[in-house]
């Protein structure tokens, strides 16, 4: 009787595989109904410059930051993440009939910033967790036949990691007091940027969340030398 129950359970899971079984995994890979997807951050951490200095008279880039005639401006930081989509191979589907892999659409991108050391101040909730622009479509990898490997497809997804408002926050003595970055005090504050991508298969409606490994990417904030 118990054996019959497990046979039934396996069959039920296979029957509803297009809508329910599987899901997100903690290792950065998410399983959908027809594909599995993973994401990786850039190879190098991000140095976010909180002040880009402009000549107040000419409007051109200032030759020296913090000069008497220089004013600080900001430019948001957009970073490219790499998403990879791979179609299920036939043996993984429990069927000898190939399935059509579905493209994914990114429905939400969540960014969470947490201090990477004791020198970096905690951020207000509005800056600690925020959402980047979503809506990009991720093409699926090619489906493999029995005994044939599937082909992964990688897509670059731009993510706004640092807004102009956050850069101004780090230079605001009203918000940070004597911890604010200024011309006379220029520390480097470091934060883990944990980024997750909620996605949905367009053809099946199946949703899952793809995340980079926790604490695998760092954003450093300071008044770096303008490039």
N, C-alpha and C. Protein backbone atom coordinates (compact mmCIF):
# COMPACT_ATOMS: atom_id res chain seq x y z
N UNK A 1 0.83 -1.21 0.00
CA UNK A 1 0.00 0.00 0.00
C UNK A 1 0.87 1.26 0.00
N UNK A 2 1.94 1.24 0.85
CA UNK A 2 2.82 2.40 0.91
C UNK A 2 3.53 2.61 -0.41
N UNK A 3 3.98 1.49 -1.03
CA UNK A 3 4.64 1.61 -2.33
C UNK A 3 3.70 2.21 -3.37
N UNK A 4 2.45 1.81 -3.34
CA UNK A 4 1.47 2.35 -4.28
C UNK A 4 1.29 3.84 -4.08
N UNK A 5 1.34 4.29 -2.81
CA UNK A 5 1.19 5.71 -2.53
C UNK A 5 2.32 6.52 -3.16
N UNK A 6 3.58 6.02 -3.03
CA UNK A 6 4.71 6.76 -3.58
C UNK A 6 4.68 6.77 -5.10
N UNK A 7 4.22 5.68 -5.70
CA UNK A 7 4.06 5.65 -7.15
C UNK A 7 3.06 6.71 -7.59
N UNK A 8 1.95 6.80 -6.84
CA UNK A 8 0.93 7.80 -7.16
C UNK A 8 1.49 9.21 -7.01
N UNK A 9 2.27 9.44 -5.90
CA UNK A 9 2.81 10.77 -5.65
C UNK A 9 3.77 11.18 -6.76
N UNK A 10 4.62 10.25 -7.20
CA UNK A 10 5.55 10.57 -8.28
C UNK A 10 4.80 10.90 -9.57
N UNK A 11 3.78 10.13 -9.86
CA UNK A 11 3.00 10.37 -11.07
C UNK A 11 2.30 11.72 -11.01
N UNK A 12 1.79 12.08 -9.82
CA UNK A 12 1.10 13.36 -9.68
C UNK A 12 2.05 14.51 -9.89
N UNK A 13 3.27 14.38 -9.35
CA UNK A 13 4.25 15.44 -9.52
C UNK A 13 4.62 15.61 -10.98
N UNK A 14 4.80 14.49 -11.69
CA UNK A 14 5.13 14.56 -13.11
C UNK A 14 3.99 15.19 -13.89
N UNK A 15 2.75 14.89 -13.49
CA UNK A 15 1.59 15.42 -14.21
C UNK A 15 1.48 16.92 -14.10
N UNK A 16 1.81 17.46 -12.91
CA UNK A 16 1.66 18.90 -12.71
C UNK A 16 2.98 19.63 -12.81
N UNK A 17 3.99 19.02 -13.42
CA UNK A 17 5.32 19.63 -13.47
C UNK A 17 5.31 20.98 -14.16
N UNK A 18 4.36 21.20 -15.05
CA UNK A 18 4.32 22.47 -15.76
C UNK A 18 3.82 23.60 -14.90
N UNK A 19 3.31 23.30 -13.72
CA UNK A 19 2.75 24.38 -12.93
C UNK A 19 3.19 24.43 -11.48
N UNK A 20 3.71 23.31 -10.90
CA UNK A 20 3.91 23.39 -9.48
C UNK A 20 5.21 22.81 -8.94
N UNK A 21 5.67 21.61 -9.36
CA UNK A 21 6.79 20.96 -8.71
C UNK A 21 8.09 21.73 -8.98
N UNK A 22 9.04 21.61 -8.03
CA UNK A 22 10.31 22.32 -8.18
C UNK A 22 10.24 23.67 -7.51
N UNK A 23 11.10 24.62 -7.95
CA UNK A 23 11.06 25.95 -7.39
C UNK A 23 12.45 26.52 -7.22
N UNK A 24 12.58 27.55 -6.35
CA UNK A 24 13.84 28.24 -6.17
C UNK A 24 14.77 27.43 -5.30
N UNK A 25 16.07 27.58 -5.54
CA UNK A 25 17.08 26.89 -4.76
C UNK A 25 18.04 27.93 -4.19
N UNK A 26 18.69 27.57 -3.09
CA UNK A 26 19.54 28.52 -2.40
C UNK A 26 20.90 28.71 -3.06
N UNK A 27 21.27 27.84 -4.01
CA UNK A 27 22.59 27.90 -4.61
C UNK A 27 22.65 28.81 -5.82
N UNK A 28 21.63 29.63 -6.05
CA UNK A 28 21.64 30.54 -7.18
C UNK A 28 20.98 29.99 -8.41
N UNK A 29 20.44 28.78 -8.36
CA UNK A 29 19.75 28.18 -9.49
C UNK A 29 18.28 28.01 -9.17
N UNK A 30 17.42 28.38 -10.11
CA UNK A 30 15.97 28.23 -9.93
C UNK A 30 15.43 27.29 -10.99
N UNK A 31 14.48 26.47 -10.60
CA UNK A 31 13.88 25.49 -11.49
C UNK A 31 12.48 25.93 -11.88
N UNK A 32 12.22 25.98 -13.17
CA UNK A 32 10.91 26.33 -13.68
C UNK A 32 10.26 25.06 -14.25
N UNK A 33 9.27 25.21 -15.10
CA UNK A 33 8.60 24.04 -15.64
C UNK A 33 9.33 23.43 -16.83
N UNK A 34 10.00 24.26 -17.62
CA UNK A 34 10.67 23.76 -18.82
C UNK A 34 12.15 24.09 -18.86
N UNK A 35 12.61 24.98 -17.99
CA UNK A 35 14.02 25.37 -17.96
C UNK A 35 14.47 25.52 -16.51
N UNK A 36 15.78 25.52 -16.32
CA UNK A 36 16.31 26.01 -15.06
C UNK A 36 17.25 27.16 -15.36
N UNK A 37 17.36 28.10 -14.42
CA UNK A 37 18.09 29.33 -14.68
C UNK A 37 19.01 29.64 -13.51
N UNK A 38 20.11 30.30 -13.81
CA UNK A 38 21.05 30.73 -12.78
C UNK A 38 21.51 32.15 -13.09
N UNK A 39 22.12 32.79 -12.11
CA UNK A 39 22.57 34.17 -12.29
C UNK A 39 23.93 34.32 -11.63
N UNK A 40 24.78 35.14 -12.23
CA UNK A 40 26.08 35.42 -11.65
C UNK A 40 26.33 36.93 -11.68
N UNK A 41 27.00 37.46 -10.64
CA UNK A 41 27.31 38.89 -10.61
C UNK A 41 28.53 39.19 -11.46
N UNK A 42 28.88 40.46 -11.62
CA UNK A 42 30.10 40.80 -12.35
C UNK A 42 31.33 40.20 -11.65
N UNK A 43 32.42 40.10 -12.39
CA UNK A 43 33.64 39.53 -11.82
C UNK A 43 34.29 40.43 -10.78
N UNK A 44 34.07 41.74 -10.90
CA UNK A 44 34.68 42.69 -9.98
C UNK A 44 33.62 43.41 -9.17
N UNK A 45 33.94 43.70 -7.90
CA UNK A 45 33.03 44.48 -7.08
C UNK A 45 32.90 45.90 -7.63
N UNK A 46 31.88 46.60 -7.18
CA UNK A 46 31.60 47.95 -7.69
C UNK A 46 32.14 49.01 -6.74
N UNK A 47 32.93 49.93 -7.29
CA UNK A 47 33.33 51.14 -6.56
C UNK A 47 32.39 52.26 -6.99
N UNK A 48 31.51 52.66 -6.07
CA UNK A 48 30.50 53.67 -6.38
C UNK A 48 30.99 55.04 -5.94
N UNK A 49 31.16 55.92 -6.90
CA UNK A 49 31.65 57.28 -6.63
C UNK A 49 30.47 58.16 -6.23
N UNK A 50 30.48 58.65 -4.99
CA UNK A 50 29.33 59.41 -4.49
C UNK A 50 29.34 60.86 -4.94
N UNK A 51 30.41 61.31 -5.59
CA UNK A 51 30.46 62.70 -6.05
C UNK A 51 31.24 62.79 -7.36
N UNK A 52 30.58 63.30 -8.38
CA UNK A 52 31.25 63.61 -9.65
C UNK A 52 31.33 65.13 -9.72
N UNK A 53 32.55 65.65 -9.77
CA UNK A 53 32.74 67.09 -9.61
C UNK A 53 32.66 67.83 -10.95
N UNK A 54 31.88 68.92 -10.93
CA UNK A 54 31.62 69.73 -12.13
C UNK A 54 32.06 71.17 -11.86
N UNK A 55 32.67 71.78 -12.88
CA UNK A 55 33.04 73.19 -12.77
C UNK A 55 31.77 74.04 -12.80
N UNK A 56 31.56 74.82 -11.76
CA UNK A 56 30.32 75.59 -11.63
C UNK A 56 30.18 76.65 -12.72
N UNK A 57 31.26 77.11 -13.29
CA UNK A 57 31.20 78.16 -14.31
C UNK A 57 30.98 77.58 -15.70
N UNK A 58 31.76 76.58 -16.06
CA UNK A 58 31.71 76.05 -17.43
C UNK A 58 30.77 74.86 -17.58
N UNK A 59 30.48 74.17 -16.48
CA UNK A 59 29.66 72.98 -16.55
C UNK A 59 30.44 71.74 -16.99
N UNK A 60 31.73 71.91 -17.27
CA UNK A 60 32.57 70.79 -17.66
C UNK A 60 33.06 70.03 -16.42
N UNK A 61 33.66 68.89 -16.65
CA UNK A 61 34.20 68.14 -15.53
C UNK A 61 35.30 68.93 -14.85
N UNK A 62 35.22 69.02 -13.54
CA UNK A 62 36.22 69.78 -12.80
C UNK A 62 37.55 69.06 -12.82
N UNK A 63 38.62 69.84 -12.92
CA UNK A 63 39.95 69.23 -12.93
C UNK A 63 40.35 68.74 -11.55
N UNK A 64 39.82 69.36 -10.51
CA UNK A 64 40.13 68.97 -9.14
C UNK A 64 38.84 68.89 -8.34
N UNK A 65 38.61 67.77 -7.69
CA UNK A 65 37.45 67.65 -6.83
C UNK A 65 37.60 68.49 -5.57
N UNK A 66 36.48 68.95 -5.06
CA UNK A 66 36.47 69.77 -3.83
C UNK A 66 37.12 71.14 -4.02
N UNK A 67 37.43 71.54 -5.26
CA UNK A 67 37.98 72.87 -5.51
C UNK A 67 36.91 73.92 -5.23
N UNK A 68 37.31 75.17 -4.94
CA UNK A 68 36.32 76.21 -4.60
C UNK A 68 35.24 76.41 -5.66
N UNK A 69 35.59 76.21 -6.92
CA UNK A 69 34.61 76.46 -7.98
C UNK A 69 33.96 75.15 -8.46
N UNK A 70 34.14 74.06 -7.71
CA UNK A 70 33.59 72.77 -8.13
C UNK A 70 32.35 72.42 -7.32
N UNK A 71 31.37 71.84 -7.99
CA UNK A 71 30.15 71.39 -7.32
C UNK A 71 29.99 69.89 -7.58
N UNK A 72 29.40 69.21 -6.60
CA UNK A 72 29.25 67.75 -6.71
C UNK A 72 27.94 67.39 -7.39
N UNK A 73 28.01 66.47 -8.33
CA UNK A 73 26.83 65.90 -8.95
C UNK A 73 26.91 64.38 -8.77
N UNK A 74 25.87 63.68 -9.16
CA UNK A 74 25.87 62.22 -9.01
C UNK A 74 25.38 61.56 -10.30
N UNK A 75 25.85 60.33 -10.50
CA UNK A 75 25.42 59.51 -11.63
C UNK A 75 25.10 58.12 -11.08
N UNK A 76 23.88 57.63 -11.30
CA UNK A 76 23.51 56.32 -10.77
C UNK A 76 24.36 55.22 -11.38
N UNK A 77 24.53 54.15 -10.63
CA UNK A 77 25.36 53.03 -11.07
C UNK A 77 24.47 51.89 -11.54
N UNK A 78 24.64 51.49 -12.80
CA UNK A 78 23.92 50.36 -13.38
C UNK A 78 24.94 49.26 -13.66
N UNK A 79 24.68 48.08 -13.13
CA UNK A 79 25.62 46.96 -13.23
C UNK A 79 24.96 45.81 -13.98
N UNK A 80 25.72 45.15 -14.84
CA UNK A 80 25.20 44.04 -15.62
C UNK A 80 25.39 42.70 -14.90
N UNK A 81 24.29 41.98 -14.74
CA UNK A 81 24.32 40.62 -14.22
C UNK A 81 24.06 39.66 -15.38
N UNK A 82 24.56 38.44 -15.26
CA UNK A 82 24.42 37.46 -16.33
C UNK A 82 23.46 36.36 -15.91
N UNK A 83 22.34 36.25 -16.63
CA UNK A 83 21.38 35.18 -16.38
C UNK A 83 21.53 34.11 -17.45
N UNK A 84 21.49 32.87 -17.02
CA UNK A 84 21.64 31.73 -17.92
C UNK A 84 20.41 30.85 -17.83
N UNK A 85 19.84 30.50 -18.98
CA UNK A 85 18.65 29.64 -19.03
C UNK A 85 19.00 28.38 -19.80
N UNK A 86 18.67 27.23 -19.20
CA UNK A 86 18.97 25.93 -19.82
C UNK A 86 17.71 25.09 -19.84
N UNK A 87 17.36 24.56 -20.99
CA UNK A 87 16.16 23.72 -21.11
C UNK A 87 16.40 22.37 -20.45
N UNK A 88 15.32 21.80 -19.90
CA UNK A 88 15.40 20.45 -19.36
C UNK A 88 15.74 19.46 -20.47
N UNK A 89 16.64 18.54 -20.17
CA UNK A 89 16.90 17.44 -21.09
C UNK A 89 15.77 16.44 -20.98
N UNK A 90 15.55 15.69 -22.03
CA UNK A 90 14.44 14.74 -22.04
C UNK A 90 14.45 13.79 -20.84
N UNK A 91 15.61 13.20 -20.45
CA UNK A 91 15.57 12.31 -19.30
C UNK A 91 15.09 12.97 -18.01
N UNK A 92 15.27 14.30 -17.87
CA UNK A 92 14.86 14.99 -16.67
C UNK A 92 13.36 15.23 -16.61
N UNK A 93 12.68 15.09 -17.72
CA UNK A 93 11.25 15.39 -17.74
C UNK A 93 10.39 14.18 -17.40
N UNK A 94 11.00 13.00 -17.35
CA UNK A 94 10.22 11.79 -17.11
C UNK A 94 9.44 11.35 -18.33
N UNK A 95 9.79 11.90 -19.49
CA UNK A 95 9.07 11.59 -20.71
C UNK A 95 10.06 11.43 -21.84
N UNK A 96 9.70 10.67 -22.85
CA UNK A 96 10.56 10.53 -24.04
C UNK A 96 10.23 11.58 -25.08
N UNK A 97 9.21 12.38 -24.81
CA UNK A 97 8.80 13.41 -25.76
C UNK A 97 9.42 14.75 -25.36
N UNK A 98 10.19 15.38 -26.23
CA UNK A 98 10.79 16.67 -25.88
C UNK A 98 9.71 17.71 -25.57
N UNK A 99 10.02 18.60 -24.63
CA UNK A 99 9.12 19.71 -24.33
C UNK A 99 9.68 20.98 -24.95
N UNK A 100 8.81 21.92 -25.18
CA UNK A 100 9.24 23.19 -25.75
C UNK A 100 9.67 24.12 -24.63
N UNK A 101 10.94 24.52 -24.58
CA UNK A 101 11.39 25.40 -23.50
C UNK A 101 10.77 26.79 -23.63
N UNK A 102 10.40 27.35 -22.50
CA UNK A 102 9.73 28.65 -22.49
C UNK A 102 10.70 29.77 -22.16
N UNK A 103 10.56 30.92 -22.81
CA UNK A 103 11.32 32.10 -22.36
C UNK A 103 10.83 32.55 -20.98
N UNK A 104 11.68 33.27 -20.27
CA UNK A 104 11.34 33.84 -18.98
C UNK A 104 11.17 35.34 -19.11
N UNK A 105 10.34 35.91 -18.26
CA UNK A 105 10.27 37.36 -18.14
C UNK A 105 10.57 37.72 -16.70
N UNK A 106 11.47 38.69 -16.51
CA UNK A 106 11.83 39.14 -15.17
C UNK A 106 10.71 40.04 -14.65
N UNK A 107 10.06 39.63 -13.57
CA UNK A 107 8.93 40.39 -13.04
C UNK A 107 9.31 41.31 -11.89
N UNK A 108 10.41 40.99 -11.20
CA UNK A 108 10.85 41.86 -10.10
C UNK A 108 12.33 41.63 -9.82
N UNK A 109 13.07 42.71 -9.61
CA UNK A 109 14.47 42.63 -9.21
C UNK A 109 14.61 43.30 -7.85
N UNK A 110 15.08 42.56 -6.87
CA UNK A 110 15.21 43.07 -5.51
C UNK A 110 16.68 43.18 -5.14
N UNK A 111 17.06 44.34 -4.62
CA UNK A 111 18.43 44.59 -4.18
C UNK A 111 18.41 44.88 -2.68
N UNK A 112 19.26 44.19 -1.93
CA UNK A 112 19.38 44.42 -0.49
C UNK A 112 20.83 44.73 -0.16
N UNK A 113 21.06 45.85 0.51
CA UNK A 113 22.41 46.27 0.89
C UNK A 113 22.57 46.15 2.40
N UNK A 114 23.57 45.39 2.82
CA UNK A 114 23.89 45.24 4.24
C UNK A 114 25.37 45.51 4.46
N UNK A 115 25.73 46.16 5.58
CA UNK A 115 27.14 46.48 5.83
C UNK A 115 28.03 45.24 5.75
N UNK A 116 29.18 45.39 5.09
CA UNK A 116 30.14 44.29 4.97
C UNK A 116 31.18 44.33 6.08
N UNK A 117 31.19 45.40 6.88
CA UNK A 117 32.11 45.49 8.01
C UNK A 117 31.52 46.45 9.05
N UNK A 118 32.17 46.52 10.19
CA UNK A 118 31.63 47.32 11.30
C UNK A 118 31.82 48.81 11.08
N UNK A 119 32.64 49.22 10.12
CA UNK A 119 32.87 50.64 9.85
C UNK A 119 31.77 51.26 8.99
N UNK A 120 31.00 50.42 8.32
CA UNK A 120 29.97 50.92 7.40
C UNK A 120 28.64 51.04 8.13
N UNK A 121 28.04 52.24 8.13
CA UNK A 121 26.79 52.44 8.87
C UNK A 121 25.62 51.69 8.24
N UNK A 122 24.69 51.27 9.09
CA UNK A 122 23.46 50.64 8.59
C UNK A 122 22.66 51.66 7.80
N UNK A 123 21.97 51.19 6.78
CA UNK A 123 21.20 52.09 5.92
C UNK A 123 19.74 52.14 6.35
N UNK A 124 19.07 53.28 6.14
CA UNK A 124 17.63 53.33 6.36
C UNK A 124 16.91 52.33 5.47
N UNK A 125 15.73 51.92 5.86
CA UNK A 125 14.99 50.89 5.13
C UNK A 125 14.80 51.25 3.65
N UNK A 126 14.60 52.54 3.36
CA UNK A 126 14.34 52.96 1.99
C UNK A 126 15.53 52.67 1.07
N UNK A 127 16.75 52.64 1.65
CA UNK A 127 17.94 52.35 0.86
C UNK A 127 18.45 50.92 1.07
N UNK A 128 18.03 50.29 2.15
CA UNK A 128 18.52 48.95 2.43
C UNK A 128 17.94 47.92 1.46
N UNK A 129 16.65 48.02 1.19
CA UNK A 129 16.00 47.12 0.22
C UNK A 129 15.22 47.96 -0.77
N UNK A 130 15.48 47.74 -2.05
CA UNK A 130 14.79 48.50 -3.08
C UNK A 130 14.67 47.64 -4.33
N UNK A 131 13.98 48.16 -5.33
CA UNK A 131 13.66 47.38 -6.52
C UNK A 131 14.18 48.09 -7.76
N UNK A 132 14.80 47.30 -8.64
CA UNK A 132 15.31 47.82 -9.90
C UNK A 132 14.29 47.56 -11.00
N UNK A 133 14.51 48.16 -12.15
CA UNK A 133 13.58 48.02 -13.27
C UNK A 133 13.57 46.58 -13.80
N UNK A 134 12.38 46.01 -13.94
CA UNK A 134 12.24 44.64 -14.43
C UNK A 134 11.58 44.66 -15.81
N UNK A 135 11.23 43.47 -16.31
CA UNK A 135 10.51 43.36 -17.57
C UNK A 135 11.30 42.76 -18.70
N UNK A 136 12.59 42.47 -18.49
CA UNK A 136 13.39 41.92 -19.58
C UNK A 136 13.04 40.45 -19.82
N UNK A 137 13.06 40.05 -21.08
CA UNK A 137 12.77 38.67 -21.46
C UNK A 137 14.07 37.90 -21.61
N UNK A 138 14.11 36.69 -21.05
CA UNK A 138 15.28 35.82 -21.12
C UNK A 138 14.95 34.66 -22.06
N UNK A 139 15.68 34.54 -23.15
CA UNK A 139 15.43 33.47 -24.10
C UNK A 139 15.83 32.13 -23.50
N UNK A 140 15.12 31.05 -23.86
CA UNK A 140 15.46 29.72 -23.31
C UNK A 140 16.59 29.07 -24.08
N UNK A 141 17.26 28.14 -23.40
CA UNK A 141 18.25 27.33 -24.10
C UNK A 141 17.55 26.34 -25.02
N UNK A 142 18.31 25.75 -25.92
CA UNK A 142 17.75 24.78 -26.86
C UNK A 142 17.50 23.45 -26.15
N UNK A 143 16.36 22.84 -26.43
CA UNK A 143 16.01 21.57 -25.82
C UNK A 143 16.84 20.44 -26.44
N UNK A 144 17.31 19.55 -25.57
CA UNK A 144 18.08 18.41 -26.06
C UNK A 144 17.20 17.18 -26.22
N UNK A 145 17.59 16.30 -27.09
CA UNK A 145 16.89 15.03 -27.24
C UNK A 145 17.55 14.00 -26.35
N UNK A 146 17.00 12.81 -26.30
CA UNK A 146 17.55 11.77 -25.44
C UNK A 146 19.02 11.54 -25.75
N UNK A 147 19.86 11.64 -24.73
CA UNK A 147 21.28 11.43 -24.90
C UNK A 147 22.03 12.62 -25.45
N UNK A 148 21.34 13.73 -25.65
CA UNK A 148 21.97 14.93 -26.19
C UNK A 148 21.92 16.06 -25.17
N UNK A 149 23.03 16.73 -24.98
CA UNK A 149 23.07 17.81 -24.00
C UNK A 149 22.26 19.01 -24.47
N UNK A 150 21.68 19.72 -23.52
CA UNK A 150 20.99 20.95 -23.86
C UNK A 150 21.99 22.09 -23.98
N UNK A 151 21.56 23.17 -24.60
CA UNK A 151 22.42 24.33 -24.80
C UNK A 151 21.91 25.50 -23.98
N UNK A 152 22.78 26.06 -23.13
CA UNK A 152 22.38 27.19 -22.31
C UNK A 152 22.47 28.49 -23.11
N UNK A 153 21.61 29.44 -22.76
CA UNK A 153 21.64 30.77 -23.36
C UNK A 153 21.84 31.77 -22.24
N UNK A 154 22.80 32.67 -22.41
CA UNK A 154 23.06 33.69 -21.40
C UNK A 154 22.57 35.04 -21.89
N UNK A 155 22.06 35.82 -20.95
CA UNK A 155 21.53 37.15 -21.26
C UNK A 155 22.03 38.13 -20.21
N UNK A 156 22.43 39.30 -20.66
CA UNK A 156 22.86 40.36 -19.75
C UNK A 156 21.66 41.15 -19.26
N UNK A 157 21.54 41.28 -17.94
CA UNK A 157 20.43 42.03 -17.35
C UNK A 157 21.00 43.21 -16.55
N UNK A 158 20.74 44.46 -16.99
CA UNK A 158 21.23 45.62 -16.25
C UNK A 158 20.41 45.85 -14.98
N UNK A 159 21.10 46.13 -13.88
CA UNK A 159 20.44 46.36 -12.59
C UNK A 159 20.95 47.67 -12.01
N UNK A 160 20.04 48.57 -11.65
CA UNK A 160 20.43 49.80 -10.97
C UNK A 160 20.74 49.47 -9.52
N UNK A 161 22.04 49.48 -9.18
CA UNK A 161 22.45 49.12 -7.83
C UNK A 161 22.55 50.33 -6.91
N UNK A 162 22.86 51.49 -7.47
CA UNK A 162 23.04 52.69 -6.65
C UNK A 162 22.31 53.85 -7.32
N UNK A 163 21.35 54.41 -6.60
CA UNK A 163 20.59 55.55 -7.11
C UNK A 163 21.30 56.86 -6.76
N UNK A 164 20.89 57.93 -7.42
CA UNK A 164 21.41 59.25 -7.08
C UNK A 164 21.06 59.62 -5.65
N UNK A 165 19.86 59.23 -5.21
CA UNK A 165 19.43 59.55 -3.85
C UNK A 165 20.32 58.89 -2.81
N UNK A 166 20.74 57.65 -3.07
CA UNK A 166 21.62 56.96 -2.11
C UNK A 166 22.99 57.63 -2.07
N UNK A 167 23.50 58.05 -3.21
CA UNK A 167 24.79 58.74 -3.22
C UNK A 167 24.71 60.05 -2.42
N UNK A 168 23.61 60.78 -2.58
CA UNK A 168 23.47 62.03 -1.83
C UNK A 168 23.33 61.75 -0.34
N UNK A 169 22.70 60.63 0.02
CA UNK A 169 22.56 60.25 1.42
C UNK A 169 23.94 60.12 2.08
N UNK A 170 24.88 59.51 1.39
CA UNK A 170 26.20 59.31 1.98
C UNK A 170 26.95 60.62 2.19
N UNK A 171 26.54 61.68 1.51
CA UNK A 171 27.20 62.97 1.67
C UNK A 171 26.38 63.94 2.50
N UNK A 172 25.31 63.47 3.10
CA UNK A 172 24.38 64.34 3.83
C UNK A 172 24.69 64.31 5.33
N UNK A 173 25.26 65.40 5.89
CA UNK A 173 25.55 65.41 7.33
C UNK A 173 24.29 65.40 8.18
N UNK A 174 23.18 65.83 7.61
CA UNK A 174 21.91 65.77 8.35
C UNK A 174 21.51 64.32 8.60
N UNK A 175 21.80 63.46 7.64
CA UNK A 175 21.43 62.05 7.76
C UNK A 175 22.47 61.23 8.50
N UNK A 176 23.76 61.50 8.22
CA UNK A 176 24.83 60.66 8.77
C UNK A 176 25.70 61.36 9.80
N UNK A 177 25.47 62.64 10.03
CA UNK A 177 26.29 63.36 11.02
C UNK A 177 27.75 63.36 10.61
N UNK A 178 28.64 63.09 11.59
CA UNK A 178 30.07 63.13 11.29
C UNK A 178 30.56 61.91 10.50
N UNK A 179 29.65 60.99 10.17
CA UNK A 179 30.00 59.85 9.32
C UNK A 179 29.80 60.15 7.84
N UNK A 180 29.22 61.31 7.52
CA UNK A 180 28.97 61.66 6.13
C UNK A 180 30.28 61.85 5.37
N UNK A 181 30.31 61.38 4.14
CA UNK A 181 31.48 61.55 3.29
C UNK A 181 31.58 63.01 2.86
N UNK A 182 32.75 63.59 3.01
CA UNK A 182 32.93 65.01 2.68
C UNK A 182 34.35 65.22 2.15
N UNK A 183 34.66 66.47 1.85
CA UNK A 183 36.01 66.77 1.35
C UNK A 183 37.06 66.58 2.44
N UNK A 184 36.67 66.67 3.68
CA UNK A 184 37.62 66.49 4.77
C UNK A 184 37.55 65.11 5.42
N UNK A 185 36.56 64.32 5.04
CA UNK A 185 36.39 62.97 5.60
C UNK A 185 35.90 62.06 4.49
N UNK A 186 36.80 61.20 4.03
CA UNK A 186 36.48 60.39 2.85
C UNK A 186 36.78 58.91 3.11
N UNK A 187 35.96 58.26 3.94
CA UNK A 187 36.15 56.83 4.19
C UNK A 187 35.62 56.01 3.02
N UNK A 188 35.85 54.71 3.07
CA UNK A 188 35.25 53.78 2.12
C UNK A 188 34.28 52.91 2.90
N UNK A 189 33.00 53.00 2.55
CA UNK A 189 31.96 52.18 3.17
C UNK A 189 31.63 51.02 2.24
N UNK A 190 31.58 49.81 2.80
CA UNK A 190 31.39 48.61 1.99
C UNK A 190 30.11 47.88 2.39
N UNK A 191 29.36 47.42 1.36
CA UNK A 191 28.08 46.74 1.60
C UNK A 191 27.97 45.52 0.69
N UNK A 192 27.44 44.44 1.28
CA UNK A 192 27.07 43.29 0.46
C UNK A 192 25.81 43.65 -0.32
N UNK A 193 25.84 43.41 -1.61
CA UNK A 193 24.66 43.63 -2.45
C UNK A 193 24.08 42.28 -2.83
N UNK A 194 23.01 41.89 -2.15
CA UNK A 194 22.33 40.64 -2.47
C UNK A 194 21.21 40.95 -3.47
N UNK A 195 21.27 40.32 -4.63
CA UNK A 195 20.36 40.64 -5.73
C UNK A 195 19.59 39.38 -6.12
N UNK A 196 18.27 39.52 -6.22
CA UNK A 196 17.43 38.38 -6.65
C UNK A 196 16.53 38.82 -7.79
N UNK A 197 16.23 37.86 -8.66
CA UNK A 197 15.42 38.10 -9.85
C UNK A 197 14.21 37.18 -9.79
N UNK A 198 13.04 37.76 -9.62
CA UNK A 198 11.82 36.96 -9.70
C UNK A 198 11.42 36.88 -11.17
N UNK A 199 11.20 35.65 -11.64
CA UNK A 199 10.92 35.45 -13.07
C UNK A 199 9.74 34.52 -13.25
N UNK A 200 9.14 34.60 -14.42
CA UNK A 200 7.98 33.77 -14.75
C UNK A 200 8.16 33.23 -16.17
N UNK A 201 7.86 31.94 -16.34
CA UNK A 201 7.85 31.38 -17.69
C UNK A 201 6.66 31.93 -18.45
N UNK A 202 6.91 32.47 -19.61
CA UNK A 202 5.84 33.10 -20.39
C UNK A 202 4.82 32.06 -20.87
N UNK A 203 5.28 30.89 -21.26
CA UNK A 203 4.38 29.89 -21.83
C UNK A 203 3.60 29.10 -20.79
N UNK A 204 4.14 28.97 -19.58
CA UNK A 204 3.52 28.11 -18.57
C UNK A 204 2.99 28.85 -17.36
N UNK A 205 3.47 30.07 -17.13
CA UNK A 205 3.06 30.83 -15.94
C UNK A 205 3.82 30.43 -14.68
N UNK A 206 4.75 29.51 -14.79
CA UNK A 206 5.51 29.04 -13.63
C UNK A 206 6.47 30.12 -13.17
N UNK A 207 6.49 30.41 -11.84
CA UNK A 207 7.35 31.46 -11.28
C UNK A 207 8.39 30.86 -10.35
N UNK A 208 9.53 31.51 -10.26
CA UNK A 208 10.57 31.13 -9.31
C UNK A 208 11.50 32.34 -9.15
N UNK A 209 12.37 32.29 -8.16
CA UNK A 209 13.29 33.39 -7.89
C UNK A 209 14.72 32.90 -8.05
N UNK A 210 15.50 33.66 -8.81
CA UNK A 210 16.91 33.35 -9.06
C UNK A 210 17.74 34.38 -8.29
N UNK A 211 18.65 33.92 -7.46
CA UNK A 211 19.44 34.83 -6.63
C UNK A 211 20.93 34.55 -6.80
N UNK A 212 21.73 35.61 -6.70
CA UNK A 212 23.17 35.39 -6.66
C UNK A 212 23.51 34.82 -5.29
N UNK A 213 24.62 34.10 -5.16
CA UNK A 213 25.01 33.60 -3.83
C UNK A 213 25.13 34.75 -2.84
N UNK A 214 24.64 34.56 -1.63
CA UNK A 214 24.67 35.63 -0.63
C UNK A 214 26.10 36.08 -0.35
N UNK A 215 26.23 37.38 -0.19
CA UNK A 215 27.50 38.03 0.15
C UNK A 215 28.60 37.71 -0.85
N UNK A 216 28.21 37.59 -2.12
CA UNK A 216 29.19 37.31 -3.17
C UNK A 216 29.58 38.56 -3.96
N UNK A 217 28.90 39.68 -3.68
CA UNK A 217 29.17 40.91 -4.44
C UNK A 217 29.13 42.09 -3.48
N UNK A 218 30.12 42.98 -3.60
CA UNK A 218 30.25 44.11 -2.68
C UNK A 218 30.21 45.42 -3.46
N UNK A 219 29.54 46.41 -2.87
CA UNK A 219 29.56 47.78 -3.38
C UNK A 219 30.32 48.65 -2.37
N UNK A 220 31.35 49.34 -2.85
CA UNK A 220 32.13 50.26 -2.02
C UNK A 220 31.72 51.69 -2.34
N UNK A 221 31.44 52.48 -1.30
CA UNK A 221 31.06 53.88 -1.48
C UNK A 221 32.15 54.79 -0.95
N UNK A 222 32.52 55.76 -1.78
CA UNK A 222 33.49 56.78 -1.37
C UNK A 222 33.49 57.86 -2.43
N UNK A 223 34.24 58.96 -2.16
CA UNK A 223 34.45 59.97 -3.20
C UNK A 223 35.70 59.57 -3.95
N UNK A 224 35.54 58.62 -4.84
CA UNK A 224 36.68 58.14 -5.62
C UNK A 224 37.12 59.18 -6.64
N UNK A 225 38.35 59.06 -7.11
CA UNK A 225 38.87 59.98 -8.12
C UNK A 225 38.02 59.84 -9.39
N UNK A 226 37.55 60.97 -9.91
CA UNK A 226 36.72 60.94 -11.11
C UNK A 226 37.53 60.43 -12.30
N UNK A 227 36.86 59.63 -13.13
CA UNK A 227 37.51 59.08 -14.31
C UNK A 227 37.25 59.96 -15.52
